[in-house]
Amino acid sequence: MDLELPEDKLKDLELKANQARQLVIEMLLAAGSGHTAGALGMADIFTAFYFHILKHDPKDPDWADRDRLILSNGHICPIRYALMAISGYFPLEELKTLRKIDSRLQGTHIELPFPGWKPPPDL
C-alpha cells in the first residue's frame, strides 16, 4: 500500500474525519449519553480504514472478498457507525437512533447484527 498520499486526498480524509466527529457528537447528544473521547480520538484512523485502507463496498456488504474490521473496544462504536454512514451503508439520519429502542445502533457496544454485518457461513 502506498503510504504517501496526494495533498487533495489528505484534505478529503481530514474533512471526512471532521464530519465524523461532528456526527458522533450529534449522535451522543440525541442519545442523551455515551462516551465521546475514544470515538473522537479514533476519527482519523476509522476514516483511513473506510476511505483508504479497507476493501469494502457499501452497495454489496456481503461481498466475499471484503476486508473485515473487528472492533473490540465497544465504547468507540459511534465513530464506526458514523464512518459507515458516511460511506453509504445506511442513511446519515439513522445515526440519531443510537441507543434508542429497536434501533440497529444499540448501546455503546456493537450489537449483532448491525448494518453491513453478516455472519460468516461457518457460524
Protein backbone atom coordinates (compact mmCIF):
# COMPACT_ATOMS: atom_id res chain seq x y z
CA MET A 1 0.00 0.00 0.00
CA ASP A 2 1.24 3.45 -0.90
CA LEU A 3 1.78 5.40 2.32
CA GLU A 4 2.31 8.72 0.54
CA LEU A 5 -0.96 10.43 -0.26
CA PRO A 6 -1.51 13.43 -2.50
CA GLU A 7 -2.44 16.65 -0.71
CA ASP A 8 -6.01 16.60 -2.07
CA LYS A 9 -6.57 13.03 -0.76
CA LEU A 10 -5.23 14.02 2.67
CA LYS A 11 -7.53 17.06 2.72
CA ASP A 12 -10.52 14.87 1.77
CA LEU A 13 -9.71 12.42 4.58
CA GLU A 14 -9.34 15.29 7.04
CA LEU A 15 -12.74 16.72 6.06
CA LYS A 16 -14.41 13.30 6.38
CA ALA A 17 -12.83 12.75 9.82
CA ASN A 18 -14.12 16.12 10.99
CA GLN A 19 -17.59 15.32 9.61
CA ALA A 20 -17.47 12.02 11.50
CA ARG A 21 -16.53 13.81 14.73
CA GLN A 22 -19.48 16.17 14.33
CA LEU A 23 -21.79 13.23 13.69
CA VAL A 24 -20.56 11.44 16.82
CA ILE A 25 -21.31 14.49 18.94
CA GLU A 26 -24.78 14.80 17.36
CA MET A 27 -25.43 11.08 17.92
CA LEU A 28 -24.47 11.21 21.57
CA LEU A 29 -26.48 14.37 22.17
CA ALA A 30 -29.54 12.74 20.57
CA ALA A 31 -28.97 9.62 22.70
CA GLY A 32 -28.54 11.65 25.86
CA SER A 33 -25.49 9.62 26.88
CA GLY A 34 -22.41 7.84 25.61
CA HIS A 35 -18.64 8.07 25.51
CA THR A 36 -17.02 10.84 23.47
CA ALA A 37 -13.25 10.72 23.98
CA GLY A 38 -12.41 7.37 22.42
CA ALA A 39 -14.74 7.79 19.46
CA LEU A 40 -13.49 11.29 18.69
CA GLY A 41 -9.87 10.22 19.11
CA MET A 42 -10.27 7.38 16.60
CA ALA A 43 -11.88 9.50 13.86
CA ASP A 44 -8.73 9.79 11.76
CA ILE A 45 -7.99 6.08 11.99
CA PHE A 46 -11.50 4.94 11.08
CA THR A 47 -11.61 7.47 8.25
CA ALA A 48 -8.40 5.99 6.88
CA PHE A 49 -9.91 2.49 7.24
CA TYR A 50 -13.15 3.26 5.42
CA PHE A 51 -11.80 5.65 2.78
CA HIS A 52 -8.27 4.42 2.07
CA ILE A 53 -7.33 1.05 3.58
CA LEU A 54 -10.24 -1.41 3.72
CA LYS A 55 -11.59 -3.20 0.68
CA HIS A 56 -15.36 -2.91 1.11
CA ASP A 57 -18.47 -2.00 -0.83
CA PRO A 58 -21.47 -0.45 0.94
CA LYS A 59 -23.65 -1.41 -2.05
CA ASP A 60 -22.60 -5.04 -1.57
CA PRO A 61 -21.92 -5.50 2.17
CA ASP A 62 -21.85 -9.30 1.75
CA TRP A 63 -19.06 -9.15 -0.86
CA ALA A 64 -16.98 -12.28 -0.23
CA ASP A 65 -13.63 -10.56 -0.85
CA ARG A 66 -14.26 -7.62 1.50
CA ASP A 67 -11.97 -6.93 4.42
CA ARG A 68 -13.37 -7.50 7.88
CA LEU A 69 -12.84 -4.97 10.65
CA ILE A 70 -13.03 -6.42 14.16
CA LEU A 71 -13.82 -3.84 16.83
CA SER A 72 -13.25 -4.98 20.41
CA ASN A 73 -13.38 -1.52 22.03
CA GLY A 74 -17.14 -1.14 22.24
CA HIS A 75 -17.22 2.37 23.64
CA ILE A 76 -15.87 3.75 20.38
CA CYS A 77 -18.59 2.18 18.18
CA PRO A 78 -20.19 5.59 17.43
CA ILE A 79 -17.19 6.51 15.25
CA ARG A 80 -17.54 3.27 13.32
CA TYR A 81 -21.24 3.91 12.81
CA ALA A 82 -20.51 7.47 11.65
CA LEU A 83 -17.95 6.33 9.07
CA MET A 84 -20.21 3.51 7.90
CA ALA A 85 -22.99 6.03 7.32
CA ILE A 86 -20.67 8.45 5.52
CA SER A 87 -19.51 5.50 3.39
CA GLY A 88 -23.09 4.72 2.40
CA TYR A 89 -24.00 1.64 4.44
CA PHE A 90 -27.10 3.39 5.79
CA PRO A 91 -28.56 6.92 5.82
CA LEU A 92 -26.92 9.57 8.00
CA GLU A 93 -30.30 10.20 9.66
CA GLU A 94 -30.19 6.72 11.20
CA LEU A 95 -27.23 7.80 13.34
CA LYS A 96 -29.62 9.74 15.56
CA THR A 97 -31.25 6.45 16.54
CA LEU A 98 -28.16 5.42 18.54
CA ARG A 99 -29.19 3.77 21.82
CA LYS A 100 -32.91 4.02 21.02
CA ILE A 101 -35.25 1.04 21.41
CA ASP A 102 -35.45 -1.04 18.21
CA SER A 103 -32.52 0.80 16.63
CA ARG A 104 -29.87 -1.16 14.74
CA LEU A 105 -27.39 1.09 16.56
CA GLN A 106 -27.95 -0.15 20.10
CA GLY A 107 -25.88 0.72 23.14
CA THR A 108 -22.27 1.69 23.45
CA HIS A 109 -21.18 -1.73 22.20
CA ILE A 110 -21.85 -3.04 18.75
CA GLU A 111 -24.72 -5.49 18.84
CA LEU A 112 -25.18 -8.13 16.19
CA PRO A 113 -26.46 -7.82 13.62
CA PHE A 114 -25.53 -4.25 12.77
CA PRO A 115 -25.56 -2.51 9.39
CA GLY A 116 -23.11 -4.11 6.98
CA TRP A 117 -22.54 -7.22 9.12
CA LYS A 118 -23.31 -10.72 8.05
CA PRO A 119 -22.05 -13.80 9.86
CA PRO A 120 -19.50 -15.94 8.04
CA PRO A 121 -21.06 -19.10 6.58
CA ASP A 122 -19.39 -21.29 9.22
CA LEU A 123 -21.07 -19.54 12.18
